PDB file of N, CA and C in Angstrom:
ATOM      1  N   UNK A   1     -33.590 -13.473  -0.605  1.00  0.00           N
ATOM      2  CA  UNK A   1     -34.111 -12.088  -0.483  1.00  0.00           C
ATOM      3  C   UNK A   1     -33.260 -11.322   0.112  1.00  0.00           C
ATOM      4  N   UNK A   2     -32.999 -10.093  -0.473  1.00  0.00           N
ATOM      5  CA  UNK A   2     -32.088  -9.169  -0.211  1.00  0.00           C
ATOM      6  C   UNK A   2     -32.246  -8.862   1.229  1.00  0.00           C
ATOM      7  N   UNK A   3     -31.053  -8.941   1.774  1.00  0.00           N
ATOM      8  CA  UNK A   3     -30.772  -8.469   3.273  1.00  0.00           C
ATOM      9  C   UNK A   3     -29.860  -6.909   3.606  1.00  0.00           C
ATOM     10  N   UNK A   4     -29.384  -6.810   2.696  1.00  0.00           N
ATOM     11  CA  UNK A   4     -28.860  -5.321   3.013  1.00  0.00           C
ATOM     12  C   UNK A   4     -27.999  -5.318   1.744  1.00  0.00           C
ATOM     13  N   UNK A   5     -27.824  -3.734   1.557  1.00  0.00           N
ATOM     14  CA  UNK A   5     -27.239  -3.236   0.372  1.00  0.00           C
ATOM     15  C   UNK A   5     -26.421  -2.046   0.845  1.00  0.00           C
ATOM     16  N   UNK A   6     -25.039  -2.091   0.520  1.00  0.00           N
ATOM     17  CA  UNK A   6     -24.334  -0.796   0.909  1.00  0.00           C
ATOM     18  C   UNK A   6     -22.941  -0.828  -0.302  1.00  0.00           C
ATOM     19  N   UNK A   7     -22.424   0.627  -0.377  1.00  0.00           N
ATOM     20  CA  UNK A   7     -21.656   0.730  -1.169  1.00  0.00           C
ATOM     21  C   UNK A   7     -20.094   0.670  -0.986  1.00  0.00           C
ATOM     22  N   UNK A   8     -19.441   0.148  -1.874  1.00  0.00           N
ATOM     23  CA  UNK A   8     -18.033  -0.169  -2.134  1.00  0.00           C
ATOM     24  C   UNK A   8     -17.020   0.363  -2.516  1.00  0.00           C
ATOM     25  N   UNK A   9     -16.010   0.820  -2.710  1.00  0.00           N
ATOM     26  CA  UNK A   9     -15.406   1.670  -3.616  1.00  0.00           C
ATOM     27  C   UNK A   9     -13.545   0.849  -3.916  1.00  0.00           C
ATOM     28  N   UNK A  10     -13.714   1.145  -5.062  1.00  0.00           N
ATOM     29  CA  UNK A  10     -12.067   0.196  -5.496  1.00  0.00           C
ATOM     30  C   UNK A  10     -10.882   1.576  -5.443  1.00  0.00           C
ATOM     31  N   UNK A  11      -9.830   0.750  -5.902  1.00  0.00           N
ATOM     32  CA  UNK A  11      -8.725   2.288  -5.398  1.00  0.00           C
ATOM     33  C   UNK A  11      -8.358   3.184  -6.719  1.00  0.00           C
ATOM     34  N   UNK A  12      -9.371   2.587  -7.878  1.00  0.00           N
ATOM     35  CA  UNK A  12      -9.287   3.759  -9.030  1.00  0.00           C
ATOM     36  C   UNK A  12     -10.418   4.742  -7.975  1.00  0.00           C
ATOM     37  N   UNK A  13     -10.939   4.453  -7.270  1.00  0.00           N
ATOM     38  CA  UNK A  13     -12.183   5.553  -6.579  1.00  0.00           C
ATOM     39  C   UNK A  13     -13.578   5.165  -7.638  1.00  0.00           C
ATOM     40  N   UNK A  14     -13.972   4.017  -8.231  1.00  0.00           N
ATOM     41  CA  UNK A  14     -14.612   3.838  -8.548  1.00  0.00           C
ATOM     42  C   UNK A  14     -15.773   3.079  -7.514  1.00  0.00           C
ATOM     43  N   UNK A  15     -17.095   3.429  -7.651  1.00  0.00           N
ATOM     44  CA  UNK A  15     -18.029   3.066  -6.449  1.00  0.00           C
ATOM     45  C   UNK A  15     -18.853   2.110  -7.386  1.00  0.00           C
ATOM     46  N   UNK A  16     -19.030   1.359  -6.364  1.00  0.00           N
ATOM     47  CA  UNK A  16     -20.244  -0.016  -6.459  1.00  0.00           C
ATOM     48  C   UNK A  16     -21.178  -0.121  -5.661  1.00  0.00           C
ATOM     49  N   UNK A  17     -22.713  -0.801  -5.957  1.00  0.00           N
ATOM     50  CA  UNK A  17     -23.767  -1.177  -5.053  1.00  0.00           C
ATOM     51  C   UNK A  17     -23.497  -2.635  -4.529  1.00  0.00           C
ATOM     52  N   UNK A  18     -23.292  -3.183  -3.815  1.00  0.00           N
ATOM     53  CA  UNK A  18     -23.049  -3.854  -3.175  1.00  0.00           C
ATOM     54  C   UNK A  18     -24.590  -4.685  -2.603  1.00  0.00           C
ATOM     55  N   UNK A  19     -25.194  -5.538  -3.274  1.00  0.00           N
ATOM     56  CA  UNK A  19     -26.184  -6.504  -2.521  1.00  0.00           C
ATOM     57  C   UNK A  19     -26.096  -7.831  -1.790  1.00  0.00           C
ATOM     58  N   UNK A  20     -26.689  -7.958  -1.018  1.00  0.00           N
ATOM     59  CA  UNK A  20     -26.645  -8.922  -0.152  1.00  0.00           C
ATOM     60  C   UNK A  20     -27.735 -10.130  -0.009  1.00  0.00           C
ATOM     61  N   UNK A  21     -27.816 -10.921  -0.650  1.00  0.00           N
ATOM     62  CA  UNK A  21     -29.129 -11.945  -0.401  1.00  0.00           C
ATOM     63  C   UNK A  21     -28.728 -12.905   0.591  1.00  0.00           C
ATOM     64  N   UNK A  22     -29.560 -13.390   0.818  1.00  0.00           N
ATOM     65  CA  UNK A  22     -29.436 -14.731   2.289  1.00  0.00           C
ATOM     66  C   UNK A  22     -31.112 -15.064   1.837  1.00  0.00           C
ATOM     67  N   UNK A  23     -30.642 -16.461   1.428  1.00  0.00           N
ATOM     68  CA  UNK A  23     -31.978 -17.695   1.464  1.00  0.00           C
ATOM     69  C   UNK A  23     -32.269 -18.006   2.788  1.00  0.00           C
ATOM     70  N   UNK A  24     -33.755 -18.347   2.399  1.00  0.00           N
ATOM     71  CA  UNK A  24     -33.851 -19.550   4.083  1.00  0.00           C
ATOM     72  C   UNK A  24     -34.008 -20.874   3.958  1.00  0.00           C
ATOM     73  N   UNK A  25     -33.589 -21.608   5.168  1.00  0.00           N
ATOM     74  CA  UNK A  25     -33.353 -22.714   5.260  1.00  0.00           C
ATOM     75  C   UNK A  25     -34.411 -23.590   5.219  1.00  0.00           C
ATOM     76  N   UNK A  26     -34.986 -24.427   4.957  1.00  0.00           N
ATOM     77  CA  UNK A  26     -36.286 -24.891   5.560  1.00  0.00           C
ATOM     78  C   UNK A  26     -35.327 -26.046   6.547  1.00  0.00           C
ATOM     79  N   UNK A  27     -36.094 -26.043   7.650  1.00  0.00           N
ATOM     80  CA  UNK A  27     -35.651 -27.141   9.101  1.00  0.00           C
ATOM     81  C   UNK A  27     -36.899 -27.325   9.232  1.00  0.00           C
ATOM     82  N   UNK A  28     -38.144 -27.734   8.592  1.00  0.00           N
ATOM     83  CA  UNK A  28     -39.200 -27.975   9.232  1.00  0.00           C
ATOM     84  C   UNK A  28     -39.099 -29.705   9.783  1.00  0.00           C
ATOM     85  N   UNK A  29     -39.652 -29.946  10.648  1.00  0.00           N
ATOM     86  CA  UNK A  29     -39.719 -31.578  11.260  1.00  0.00           C
ATOM     87  C   UNK A  29     -41.191 -31.795  11.231  1.00  0.00           C
ATOM     88  N   UNK A  30     -41.156 -32.743  11.329  1.00  0.00           N
ATOM     89  CA  UNK A  30     -43.207 -33.681  11.600  1.00  0.00           C
ATOM     90  C   UNK A  30     -43.059 -33.043  12.883  1.00  0.00           C
ATOM     91  N   UNK A  31     -42.635 -32.095  13.822  1.00  0.00           N
ATOM     92  CA  UNK A  31     -43.274 -31.346  15.122  1.00  0.00           C
ATOM     93  C   UNK A  31     -43.430 -30.144  14.571  1.00  0.00           C
ATOM     94  N   UNK A  32     -43.507 -29.652  13.420  1.00  0.00           N
ATOM     95  CA  UNK A  32     -43.536 -28.352  12.952  1.00  0.00           C
ATOM     96  C   UNK A  32     -42.959 -27.446  12.017  1.00  0.00           C
ATOM     97  N   UNK A  33     -42.974 -26.560  11.483  1.00  0.00           N
ATOM     98  CA  UNK A  33     -42.477 -25.589  10.799  1.00  0.00           C
ATOM     99  C   UNK A  33     -41.155 -25.130  11.256  1.00  0.00           C
ATOM    100  N   UNK A  34     -40.106 -24.996  11.000  1.00  0.00           N
ATOM    101  CA  UNK A  34     -38.799 -23.738  11.155  1.00  0.00           C
ATOM    102  C   UNK A  34     -38.139 -23.820   9.874  1.00  0.00           C
ATOM    103  N   UNK A  35     -37.121 -22.628  10.296  1.00  0.00           N
ATOM    104  CA  UNK A  35     -35.990 -22.356   9.126  1.00  0.00           C
ATOM    105  C   UNK A  35     -35.237 -21.601   9.485  1.00  0.00           C
ATOM    106  N   UNK A  36     -34.098 -21.421   9.056  1.00  0.00           N
ATOM    107  CA  UNK A  36     -32.559 -20.939   9.097  1.00  0.00           C
ATOM    108  C   UNK A  36     -32.546 -19.658   7.965  1.00  0.00           C
ATOM    109  N   UNK A  37     -31.263 -18.635   8.259  1.00  0.00           N
ATOM    110  CA  UNK A  37     -31.389 -17.800   7.460  1.00  0.00           C
ATOM    111  C   UNK A  37     -30.198 -18.579   7.304  1.00  0.00           C
ATOM    112  N   UNK A  38     -30.025 -18.576   5.920  1.00  0.00           N
ATOM    113  CA  UNK A  38     -28.764 -19.203   5.252  1.00  0.00           C
ATOM    114  C   UNK A  38     -27.586 -18.601   5.362  1.00  0.00           C
ATOM    115  N   UNK A  39     -26.516 -18.247   4.449  1.00  0.00           N
ATOM    116  CA  UNK A  39     -25.217 -17.728   4.205  1.00  0.00           C
ATOM    117  C   UNK A  39     -25.528 -16.860   3.358  1.00  0.00           C
ATOM    118  N   UNK A  40     -24.549 -15.943   3.616  1.00  0.00           N
ATOM    119  CA  UNK A  40     -25.497 -14.632   2.840  1.00  0.00           C
ATOM    120  C   UNK A  40     -24.319 -14.735   1.283  1.00  0.00           C
ATOM    121  N   UNK A  41     -25.204 -14.264   0.276  1.00  0.00           N
ATOM    122  CA  UNK A  41     -24.118 -14.544  -0.665  1.00  0.00           C
ATOM    123  C   UNK A  41     -24.247 -13.216  -1.249  1.00  0.00           C
ATOM    124  N   UNK A  42     -22.833 -12.284  -1.701  1.00  0.00           N
ATOM    125  CA  UNK A  42     -22.530 -11.100  -2.134  1.00  0.00           C
ATOM    126  C   UNK A  42     -22.258 -10.537  -3.409  1.00  0.00           C
ATOM    127  N   UNK A  43     -23.375  -9.645  -4.067  1.00  0.00           N
ATOM    128  CA  UNK A  43     -23.247  -9.763  -5.524  1.00  0.00           C
ATOM    129  C   UNK A  43     -23.285  -8.022  -5.518  1.00  0.00           C
ATOM    130  N   UNK A  44     -22.510  -7.172  -6.911  1.00  0.00           N
ATOM    131  CA  UNK A  44     -22.473  -5.906  -7.083  1.00  0.00           C
ATOM    132  C   UNK A  44     -24.329  -6.296  -7.646  1.00  0.00           C
ATOM    133  N   UNK A  45     -24.985  -4.863  -8.337  1.00  0.00           N
ATOM    134  CA  UNK A  45     -26.008  -4.155  -8.278  1.00  0.00           C
ATOM    135  C   UNK A  45     -26.017  -5.023  -9.753  1.00  0.00           C
ATOM    136  N   UNK A  46     -25.551  -5.087 -10.610  1.00  0.00           N
ATOM    137  CA  UNK A  46     -25.307  -6.120 -11.953  1.00  0.00           C
ATOM    138  C   UNK A  46     -25.430  -7.180 -11.887  1.00  0.00           C
ATOM    139  N   UNK A  47     -25.491  -7.692 -10.990  1.00  0.00           N
ATOM    140  CA  UNK A  47     -25.223  -9.254 -11.099  1.00  0.00           C
ATOM    141  C   UNK A  47     -24.180  -9.932 -10.750  1.00  0.00           C
ATOM    142  N   UNK A  48     -22.604  -9.117 -11.122  1.00  0.00           N
ATOM    143  CA  UNK A  48     -21.680  -9.910 -11.330  1.00  0.00           C
ATOM    144  C   UNK A  48     -21.208 -10.666  -9.135  1.00  0.00           C
ATOM    145  N   UNK A  49     -20.289 -11.770  -9.635  1.00  0.00           N
ATOM    146  CA  UNK A  49     -20.470 -12.400  -7.985  1.00  0.00           C
ATOM    147  C   UNK A  49     -19.185 -11.718  -7.674  1.00  0.00           C
ATOM    148  N   UNK A  50     -19.069 -11.622  -5.897  1.00  0.00           N
ATOM    149  CA  UNK A  50     -17.987 -11.177  -5.075  1.00  0.00           C
ATOM    150  C   UNK A  50     -17.216 -12.498  -3.991  1.00  0.00           C
ATOM    151  N   UNK A  51     -16.260 -12.119  -3.627  1.00  0.00           N
ATOM    152  CA  UNK A  51     -15.723 -12.932  -2.695  1.00  0.00           C
ATOM    153  C   UNK A  51     -15.164 -12.145  -1.601  1.00  0.00           C
ATOM    154  N   UNK A  52     -15.985 -12.908  -0.492  1.00  0.00           N
ATOM    155  CA  UNK A  52     -15.545 -11.968   0.782  1.00  0.00           C
ATOM    156  C   UNK A  52     -14.363 -12.183   1.135  1.00  0.00           C
ATOM    157  N   UNK A  53     -13.276 -11.059   1.202  1.00  0.00           N
ATOM    158  CA  UNK A  53     -11.380 -11.215   1.926  1.00  0.00           C
ATOM    159  C   UNK A  53     -11.962 -11.326   3.251  1.00  0.00           C
ATOM    160  N   UNK A  54     -12.886 -10.478   3.573  1.00  0.00           N
ATOM    161  CA  UNK A  54     -12.068  -9.837   5.246  1.00  0.00           C
ATOM    162  C   UNK A  54     -13.882  -9.132   5.649  1.00  0.00           C
ATOM    163  N   UNK A  55     -13.950  -8.594   6.738  1.00  0.00           N
ATOM    164  CA  UNK A  55     -15.226  -8.072   7.193  1.00  0.00           C
ATOM    165  C   UNK A  55     -15.529  -6.983   5.912  1.00  0.00           C
ATOM    166  N   UNK A  56     -14.998  -6.080   5.538  1.00  0.00           N
ATOM    167  CA  UNK A  56     -14.988  -4.919   4.864  1.00  0.00           C
ATOM    168  C   UNK A  56     -14.836  -4.627   3.528  1.00  0.00           C
ATOM    169  N   UNK A  57     -13.468  -5.695   2.703  1.00  0.00           N
ATOM    170  CA  UNK A  57     -13.039  -6.263   1.750  1.00  0.00           C
ATOM    171  C   UNK A  57     -13.499  -7.034   0.621  1.00  0.00           C
ATOM    172  N   UNK A  58     -13.990  -6.957  -0.034  1.00  0.00           N
ATOM    173  CA  UNK A  58     -14.466  -8.056  -1.291  1.00  0.00           C
ATOM    174  C   UNK A  58     -14.030  -8.301  -2.352  1.00  0.00           C
ATOM    175  N   UNK A  59     -13.685  -9.180  -3.540  1.00  0.00           N
ATOM    176  CA  UNK A  59     -13.167  -9.451  -4.661  1.00  0.00           C
ATOM    177  C   UNK A  59     -14.205  -9.464  -5.898  1.00  0.00           C
ATOM    178  N   UNK A  60     -14.334  -8.742  -6.702  1.00  0.00           N
ATOM    179  CA  UNK A  60     -15.127  -9.110  -7.841  1.00  0.00           C
ATOM    180  C   UNK A  60     -14.621 -10.342  -8.593  1.00  0.00           C
ATOM    181  N   UNK A  61     -15.187 -11.277  -8.943  1.00  0.00           N
ATOM    182  CA  UNK A  61     -14.396 -12.139  -9.228  1.00  0.00           C
ATOM    183  C   UNK A  61     -14.362 -12.430 -10.250  1.00  0.00           C
ATOM    184  N   UNK A  62     -15.383 -11.838 -11.292  1.00  0.00           N
ATOM    185  CA  UNK A  62     -15.229 -11.569 -12.861  1.00  0.00           C
ATOM    186  C   UNK A  62     -13.631 -10.682 -13.528  1.00  0.00           C
ATOM    187  N   UNK A  63     -13.469  -9.797 -12.503  1.00  0.00           N
ATOM    188  CA  UNK A  63     -12.098  -9.284 -12.663  1.00  0.00           C
ATOM    189  C   UNK A  63     -10.820  -8.881 -11.528  1.00  0.00           C
ATOM    190  N   UNK A  64     -10.831  -9.397 -10.676  1.00  0.00           N
ATOM    191  CA  UNK A  64      -9.886  -9.968  -9.900  1.00  0.00           C
ATOM    192  C   UNK A  64      -9.931  -8.388  -9.036  1.00  0.00           C
ATOM    193  N   UNK A  65     -10.740  -7.359  -9.252  1.00  0.00           N
ATOM    194  CA  UNK A  65     -10.596  -6.048  -8.353  1.00  0.00           C
ATOM    195  C   UNK A  65     -11.365  -6.163  -7.344  1.00  0.00           C
ATOM    196  N   UNK A  66     -10.027  -5.548  -5.875  1.00  0.00           N
ATOM    197  CA  UNK A  66     -11.086  -5.560  -4.548  1.00  0.00           C
ATOM    198  C   UNK A  66     -11.612  -4.083  -4.539  1.00  0.00           C
ATOM    199  N   UNK A  67     -12.768  -4.555  -3.784  1.00  0.00           N
ATOM    200  CA  UNK A  67     -13.564  -3.274  -3.462  1.00  0.00           C
ATOM    201  C   UNK A  67     -13.374  -3.338  -1.912  1.00  0.00           C
ATOM    202  N   UNK A  68     -13.901  -1.941  -1.386  1.00  0.00           N
ATOM    203  CA  UNK A  68     -13.468  -1.964  -0.105  1.00  0.00           C
ATOM    204  C   UNK A  68     -14.878  -1.157   0.221  1.00  0.00           C
ATOM    205  N   UNK A  69     -16.269  -1.753   1.445  1.00  0.00           N
ATOM    206  CA  UNK A  69     -16.865  -1.376   2.309  1.00  0.00           C
ATOM    207  C   UNK A  69     -16.651   0.200   2.116  1.00  0.00           C
ATOM    208  N   UNK A  70     -17.871   1.693   1.995  1.00  0.00           N
ATOM    209  CA  UNK A  70     -17.437   2.371   2.422  1.00  0.00           C
ATOM    210  C   UNK A  70     -18.450   3.061   3.621  1.00  0.00           C
TER     211      UNK A  70
END
């Protein structure tokens, strides 16, 4: 599920839309249902994958371009 969206910019001034997906992890037991939020998955709106380098800096996997949250 999409949990967040924000804009990021590269050094050339190009603006990208970052979409954060987070899946739910089933932690149900015999005592009852349960779930936890999984790790975030960062992608561009066009589906390209991102690696998170720091709190606000990401790298586009396919191109190596670094982008910064604005």
